[in-house]
Amino acid sequence: MRIITLALAALLLLIQYPLWLGKGGWLTVADLEAQVAASRAKTEQLKARNAKLESEVRDLKDGLGAVEERARYDLGMIKSNEIFVQVLRKDEKPAVMMTVPPPPPPPKPKKGARKGED
C-alpha cells in the first residue's frame, strides 16, 4: 500500500511540473503578462509623445504664433518698432541678440527752420 501511495504522489508531482514550470505554465504566463503590461505602458508614453510632436508640427506648419514664439525665446529675436527690456540678476549675463537693432530715426527739423536752411 505504501508503494502505491508513493507512486501516486510521484505521478501527482509529475503532473504538476508542466502546470507550474512548463512552457505554458503559470509562472511563464505571469512573466509574459508583466512584459505585456510594460509594453503597453511604454506604448502609451510613446503615443502621448507622438501626439505632442504632431501638434507642434501642425502649429509650425499652420500658425505663425509658434514660429514667432520660437524666434523670440530660442533665438532672442524681436519685431521692428518693438523695445527689448531685459532685467538681470546680479550674477546673470545679458542675452545675445540675434536681431540687428533698427537705425535711429532721422532728426526732426527745428520749428521755424525751412528745408535746406540751417
N, C-alpha and C. Protein backbone atom coordinates (compact mmCIF):
# COMPACT_ATOMS: atom_id res chain seq x y z
N MET A 1 0.82 -1.19 0.00
CA MET A 1 0.00 0.00 0.00
C MET A 1 0.87 1.26 0.00
N ARG A 2 2.00 1.17 0.71
CA ARG A 2 2.89 2.33 0.78
C ARG A 2 3.50 2.64 -0.60
N ILE A 3 3.80 1.68 -1.38
CA ILE A 3 4.37 1.86 -2.71
C ILE A 3 3.37 2.54 -3.63
N ILE A 4 2.11 2.14 -3.54
CA ILE A 4 1.07 2.76 -4.37
C ILE A 4 0.91 4.23 -3.99
N THR A 5 0.96 4.55 -2.73
CA THR A 5 0.84 5.93 -2.27
C THR A 5 2.01 6.77 -2.77
N LEU A 6 3.21 6.21 -2.68
CA LEU A 6 4.39 6.93 -3.18
C LEU A 6 4.32 7.10 -4.70
N ALA A 7 3.86 6.09 -5.38
CA ALA A 7 3.74 6.17 -6.84
C ALA A 7 2.72 7.23 -7.24
N LEU A 8 1.59 7.26 -6.56
CA LEU A 8 0.56 8.26 -6.85
C LEU A 8 1.06 9.68 -6.52
N ALA A 9 1.81 9.83 -5.44
CA ALA A 9 2.38 11.14 -5.09
C ALA A 9 3.39 11.59 -6.15
N ALA A 10 4.21 10.64 -6.63
CA ALA A 10 5.19 10.97 -7.67
C ALA A 10 4.47 11.37 -8.95
N LEU A 11 3.41 10.64 -9.33
CA LEU A 11 2.63 11.00 -10.52
C LEU A 11 1.98 12.38 -10.36
N LEU A 12 1.49 12.66 -9.18
CA LEU A 12 0.89 13.97 -8.92
C LEU A 12 1.92 15.08 -9.11
N LEU A 13 3.14 14.86 -8.62
CA LEU A 13 4.21 15.86 -8.80
C LEU A 13 4.60 15.98 -10.27
N LEU A 14 4.65 14.88 -10.98
CA LEU A 14 4.97 14.93 -12.42
C LEU A 14 3.90 15.66 -13.21
N ILE A 15 2.65 15.50 -12.80
CA ILE A 15 1.55 16.22 -13.47
C ILE A 15 1.63 17.71 -13.16
N GLN A 16 2.04 18.08 -11.97
CA GLN A 16 2.11 19.48 -11.57
C GLN A 16 3.27 20.23 -12.23
N TYR A 17 4.34 19.53 -12.59
CA TYR A 17 5.51 20.18 -13.16
C TYR A 17 5.17 21.04 -14.38
N PRO A 18 4.48 20.51 -15.41
CA PRO A 18 4.17 21.37 -16.57
C PRO A 18 3.25 22.53 -16.21
N LEU A 19 2.38 22.32 -15.23
CA LEU A 19 1.46 23.38 -14.83
C LEU A 19 2.21 24.57 -14.24
N TRP A 20 3.25 24.34 -13.48
CA TRP A 20 3.98 25.41 -12.82
C TRP A 20 5.21 25.86 -13.61
N LEU A 21 5.99 24.92 -14.11
CA LEU A 21 7.29 25.27 -14.69
C LEU A 21 7.39 24.98 -16.18
N GLY A 22 6.37 24.45 -16.79
CA GLY A 22 6.41 24.10 -18.21
C GLY A 22 6.33 25.32 -19.12
N LYS A 23 6.29 25.04 -20.43
CA LYS A 23 6.26 26.11 -21.44
C LYS A 23 5.04 27.03 -21.29
N GLY A 24 3.91 26.47 -21.01
CA GLY A 24 2.69 27.27 -20.84
C GLY A 24 2.25 27.33 -19.39
N GLY A 25 3.18 27.18 -18.47
CA GLY A 25 2.85 27.15 -17.06
C GLY A 25 2.50 28.52 -16.51
N TRP A 26 2.03 28.51 -15.28
CA TRP A 26 1.57 29.74 -14.64
C TRP A 26 2.69 30.75 -14.46
N LEU A 27 3.88 30.31 -14.15
CA LEU A 27 4.99 31.25 -13.97
C LEU A 27 5.35 31.93 -15.29
N THR A 28 5.35 31.17 -16.36
CA THR A 28 5.64 31.75 -17.68
C THR A 28 4.55 32.73 -18.08
N VAL A 29 3.31 32.35 -17.84
CA VAL A 29 2.18 33.23 -18.19
C VAL A 29 2.25 34.53 -17.39
N ALA A 30 2.56 34.43 -16.11
CA ALA A 30 2.67 35.64 -15.29
C ALA A 30 3.79 36.54 -15.78
N ASP A 31 4.91 35.94 -16.17
CA ASP A 31 6.03 36.72 -16.70
C ASP A 31 5.65 37.40 -18.01
N LEU A 32 4.97 36.68 -18.88
CA LEU A 32 4.55 37.27 -20.16
C LEU A 32 3.52 38.38 -19.95
N GLU A 33 2.62 38.22 -18.98
CA GLU A 33 1.65 39.27 -18.69
C GLU A 33 2.33 40.53 -18.18
N ALA A 34 3.39 40.36 -17.38
CA ALA A 34 4.15 41.52 -16.91
C ALA A 34 4.84 42.22 -18.08
N GLN A 35 5.38 41.44 -19.01
CA GLN A 35 6.02 42.03 -20.19
C GLN A 35 5.01 42.78 -21.05
N VAL A 36 3.81 42.22 -21.20
CA VAL A 36 2.76 42.88 -21.98
C VAL A 36 2.35 44.19 -21.32
N ALA A 37 2.22 44.20 -20.01
CA ALA A 37 1.83 45.42 -19.29
C ALA A 37 2.91 46.49 -19.45
N ALA A 38 4.19 46.09 -19.38
CA ALA A 38 5.28 47.05 -19.56
C ALA A 38 5.28 47.60 -20.98
N SER A 39 5.01 46.73 -21.95
CA SER A 39 4.96 47.17 -23.35
C SER A 39 3.81 48.14 -23.58
N ARG A 40 2.67 47.86 -22.96
CA ARG A 40 1.52 48.77 -23.12
C ARG A 40 1.80 50.13 -22.50
N ALA A 41 2.45 50.14 -21.33
CA ALA A 41 2.78 51.42 -20.70
C ALA A 41 3.75 52.21 -21.57
N LYS A 42 4.75 51.54 -22.11
CA LYS A 42 5.72 52.21 -23.00
C LYS A 42 5.02 52.74 -24.25
N THR A 43 4.10 51.94 -24.80
CA THR A 43 3.35 52.36 -25.99
C THR A 43 2.52 53.61 -25.70
N GLU A 44 1.88 53.66 -24.55
CA GLU A 44 1.09 54.83 -24.18
C GLU A 44 1.97 56.07 -24.05
N GLN A 45 3.15 55.92 -23.46
CA GLN A 45 4.08 57.05 -23.35
C GLN A 45 4.49 57.54 -24.73
N LEU A 46 4.79 56.60 -25.62
CA LEU A 46 5.21 56.98 -26.97
C LEU A 46 4.07 57.61 -27.76
N LYS A 47 2.84 57.14 -27.55
CA LYS A 47 1.68 57.75 -28.22
C LYS A 47 1.49 59.19 -27.75
N ALA A 48 1.64 59.42 -26.45
CA ALA A 48 1.50 60.78 -25.92
C ALA A 48 2.60 61.67 -26.50
N ARG A 49 3.82 61.16 -26.56
CA ARG A 49 4.93 61.95 -27.12
C ARG A 49 4.68 62.25 -28.59
N ASN A 50 4.21 61.26 -29.35
CA ASN A 50 3.92 61.47 -30.76
C ASN A 50 2.81 62.49 -30.96
N ALA A 51 1.77 62.45 -30.12
CA ALA A 51 0.68 63.42 -30.23
C ALA A 51 1.20 64.83 -29.96
N LYS A 52 2.07 64.97 -28.98
CA LYS A 52 2.64 66.29 -28.67
C LYS A 52 3.47 66.79 -29.84
N LEU A 53 4.32 65.92 -30.39
CA LEU A 53 5.15 66.32 -31.54
C LEU A 53 4.29 66.63 -32.75
N GLU A 54 3.22 65.86 -32.96
CA GLU A 54 2.34 66.11 -34.09
C GLU A 54 1.65 67.47 -33.98
N SER A 55 1.20 67.81 -32.77
CA SER A 55 0.56 69.12 -32.60
C SER A 55 1.56 70.25 -32.78
N GLU A 56 2.79 70.03 -32.35
CA GLU A 56 3.82 71.06 -32.54
C GLU A 56 4.14 71.24 -34.01
N VAL A 57 4.21 70.15 -34.76
CA VAL A 57 4.46 70.23 -36.21
C VAL A 57 3.30 70.95 -36.89
N ARG A 58 2.07 70.61 -36.49
CA ARG A 58 0.89 71.26 -37.07
C ARG A 58 0.92 72.77 -36.79
N ASP A 59 1.30 73.14 -35.57
CA ASP A 59 1.41 74.56 -35.22
C ASP A 59 2.46 75.26 -36.07
N LEU A 60 3.59 74.60 -36.25
CA LEU A 60 4.67 75.21 -37.03
C LEU A 60 4.28 75.35 -38.50
N LYS A 61 3.50 74.39 -39.02
CA LYS A 61 3.09 74.46 -40.42
C LYS A 61 2.00 75.50 -40.63
N ASP A 62 1.01 75.53 -39.75
CA ASP A 62 -0.18 76.36 -39.98
C ASP A 62 -0.11 77.73 -39.32
N GLY A 63 0.33 77.78 -38.10
CA GLY A 63 0.26 79.03 -37.36
C GLY A 63 1.59 79.73 -37.29
N LEU A 64 1.54 81.06 -37.29
CA LEU A 64 2.76 81.84 -37.16
C LEU A 64 3.10 82.11 -35.70
N GLY A 65 2.16 81.86 -34.81
CA GLY A 65 2.39 82.10 -33.39
C GLY A 65 3.52 81.24 -32.84
N ALA A 66 3.55 79.97 -33.23
CA ALA A 66 4.59 79.07 -32.73
C ALA A 66 5.96 79.47 -33.29
N VAL A 67 5.99 79.87 -34.55
CA VAL A 67 7.26 80.29 -35.16
C VAL A 67 7.76 81.55 -34.47
N GLU A 68 6.85 82.50 -34.22
CA GLU A 68 7.23 83.73 -33.54
C GLU A 68 7.73 83.45 -32.13
N GLU A 69 7.05 82.55 -31.43
CA GLU A 69 7.46 82.22 -30.07
C GLU A 69 8.85 81.59 -30.04
N ARG A 70 9.12 80.69 -30.97
CA ARG A 70 10.45 80.07 -31.04
C ARG A 70 11.52 81.11 -31.38
N ALA A 71 11.20 82.01 -32.30
CA ALA A 71 12.16 83.04 -32.67
C ALA A 71 12.46 83.95 -31.49
N ARG A 72 11.45 84.26 -30.72
CA ARG A 72 11.65 85.15 -29.56
C ARG A 72 12.46 84.47 -28.46
N TYR A 73 12.06 83.27 -28.06
CA TYR A 73 12.68 82.64 -26.89
C TYR A 73 13.95 81.89 -27.22
N ASP A 74 14.00 81.22 -28.35
CA ASP A 74 15.19 80.43 -28.68
C ASP A 74 16.28 81.27 -29.34
N LEU A 75 15.88 82.21 -30.19
CA LEU A 75 16.86 82.99 -30.94
C LEU A 75 17.02 84.41 -30.43
N GLY A 76 16.15 84.86 -29.53
CA GLY A 76 16.26 86.21 -28.98
C GLY A 76 15.88 87.30 -29.97
N MET A 77 15.02 87.00 -30.92
CA MET A 77 14.64 87.99 -31.94
C MET A 77 13.48 88.85 -31.43
N ILE A 78 13.40 90.08 -31.96
CA ILE A 78 12.28 90.97 -31.63
C ILE A 78 11.74 91.56 -32.93
N LYS A 79 10.52 92.07 -32.89
CA LYS A 79 9.90 92.70 -34.05
C LYS A 79 10.45 94.11 -34.22
N SER A 80 10.28 94.63 -35.41
CA SER A 80 10.68 96.02 -35.62
C SER A 80 9.71 96.92 -34.85
N ASN A 81 10.17 98.06 -34.44
CA ASN A 81 9.42 99.03 -33.63
C ASN A 81 9.00 98.43 -32.28
N GLU A 82 9.77 97.50 -31.79
CA GLU A 82 9.49 96.89 -30.50
C GLU A 82 10.69 97.15 -29.59
N ILE A 83 10.45 97.41 -28.35
CA ILE A 83 11.53 97.72 -27.41
C ILE A 83 11.81 96.47 -26.58
N PHE A 84 13.09 96.11 -26.50
CA PHE A 84 13.51 94.93 -25.74
C PHE A 84 14.02 95.39 -24.39
N VAL A 85 13.41 94.89 -23.33
CA VAL A 85 13.83 95.23 -21.98
C VAL A 85 14.22 93.93 -21.29
N GLN A 86 15.40 93.92 -20.69
CA GLN A 86 15.87 92.72 -20.02
C GLN A 86 16.28 93.07 -18.60
N VAL A 87 15.71 92.38 -17.63
CA VAL A 87 16.04 92.60 -16.23
C VAL A 87 16.96 91.47 -15.80
N LEU A 88 18.13 91.83 -15.30
CA LEU A 88 19.12 90.83 -14.91
C LEU A 88 19.30 90.79 -13.40
N ARG A 89 19.61 89.60 -12.91
CA ARG A 89 20.01 89.48 -11.52
C ARG A 89 21.48 89.82 -11.42
N LYS A 90 22.01 89.85 -10.22
CA LYS A 90 23.40 90.25 -10.02
C LYS A 90 24.38 89.33 -10.75
N ASP A 91 24.10 88.03 -10.79
CA ASP A 91 25.05 87.08 -11.35
C ASP A 91 24.73 86.68 -12.79
N GLU A 92 23.71 87.27 -13.42
CA GLU A 92 23.32 86.90 -14.78
C GLU A 92 24.06 87.74 -15.82
N LYS A 93 24.26 87.13 -16.98
CA LYS A 93 24.85 87.84 -18.12
C LYS A 93 23.73 88.20 -19.09
N PRO A 94 23.88 89.28 -19.84
CA PRO A 94 22.83 89.66 -20.79
C PRO A 94 22.72 88.64 -21.92
N ALA A 95 21.52 88.52 -22.47
CA ALA A 95 21.29 87.60 -23.58
C ALA A 95 21.90 88.19 -24.85
N VAL A 96 22.31 87.31 -25.74
CA VAL A 96 22.88 87.73 -27.02
C VAL A 96 21.73 87.97 -27.99
N MET A 97 21.70 89.14 -28.59
CA MET A 97 20.64 89.48 -29.53
C MET A 97 21.02 89.00 -30.92
N MET A 98 20.09 88.33 -31.58
CA MET A 98 20.31 87.87 -32.95
C MET A 98 19.79 88.91 -33.95
N THR A 99 18.94 89.81 -33.50
CA THR A 99 18.34 90.81 -34.38
C THR A 99 19.19 92.07 -34.37
N VAL A 100 19.41 92.60 -35.55
CA VAL A 100 20.16 93.86 -35.65
C VAL A 100 19.22 94.98 -35.23
N PRO A 101 19.67 95.85 -34.33
CA PRO A 101 18.78 96.94 -33.91
C PRO A 101 18.50 97.88 -35.07
N PRO A 102 17.30 98.45 -35.12
CA PRO A 102 16.97 99.35 -36.21
C PRO A 102 17.78 100.65 -36.09
N PRO A 103 17.99 101.32 -37.23
CA PRO A 103 18.73 102.58 -37.17
C PRO A 103 17.92 103.64 -36.44
N PRO A 104 18.60 104.60 -35.82
CA PRO A 104 17.85 105.65 -35.11
C PRO A 104 17.05 106.48 -36.10
N PRO A 105 15.93 107.02 -35.66
CA PRO A 105 15.11 107.82 -36.56
C PRO A 105 15.86 109.10 -36.94
N PRO A 106 15.58 109.62 -38.13
CA PRO A 106 16.25 110.86 -38.55
C PRO A 106 15.83 112.02 -37.64
N PRO A 107 16.73 112.96 -37.42
CA PRO A 107 16.38 114.09 -36.55
C PRO A 107 15.25 114.91 -37.15
N LYS A 108 14.38 115.37 -36.26
CA LYS A 108 13.26 116.19 -36.72
C LYS A 108 13.75 117.61 -36.95
N PRO A 109 13.23 118.26 -38.00
CA PRO A 109 13.65 119.66 -38.24
C PRO A 109 13.12 120.57 -37.13
N LYS A 110 13.91 121.60 -36.84
CA LYS A 110 13.51 122.55 -35.82
C LYS A 110 12.34 123.38 -36.32
N LYS A 111 11.53 123.83 -35.38
CA LYS A 111 10.40 124.67 -35.75
C LYS A 111 10.91 125.99 -36.29
N GLY A 112 10.30 126.45 -37.31
CA GLY A 112 10.66 127.74 -37.88
C GLY A 112 11.77 127.65 -38.93
N ALA A 113 12.48 126.57 -38.98
CA ALA A 113 13.55 126.43 -39.97
C ALA A 113 12.94 125.89 -41.23
N ARG A 114 13.49 126.33 -42.37
CA ARG A 114 13.00 125.87 -43.65
C ARG A 114 13.92 124.77 -44.17
N LYS A 115 13.41 124.06 -45.14
CA LYS A 115 14.20 123.00 -45.74
C LYS A 115 15.43 123.62 -46.42
N GLY A 116 16.56 122.98 -46.24
CA GLY A 116 17.78 123.45 -46.88
C GLY A 116 18.47 124.54 -46.13
N GLU A 117 17.83 125.15 -45.09
CA GLU A 117 18.46 126.19 -44.32
C GLU A 117 18.82 125.65 -42.95
N ASP A 118 19.95 126.05 -42.43
CA ASP A 118 20.35 125.64 -41.09
C ASP A 118 20.42 126.79 -40.16
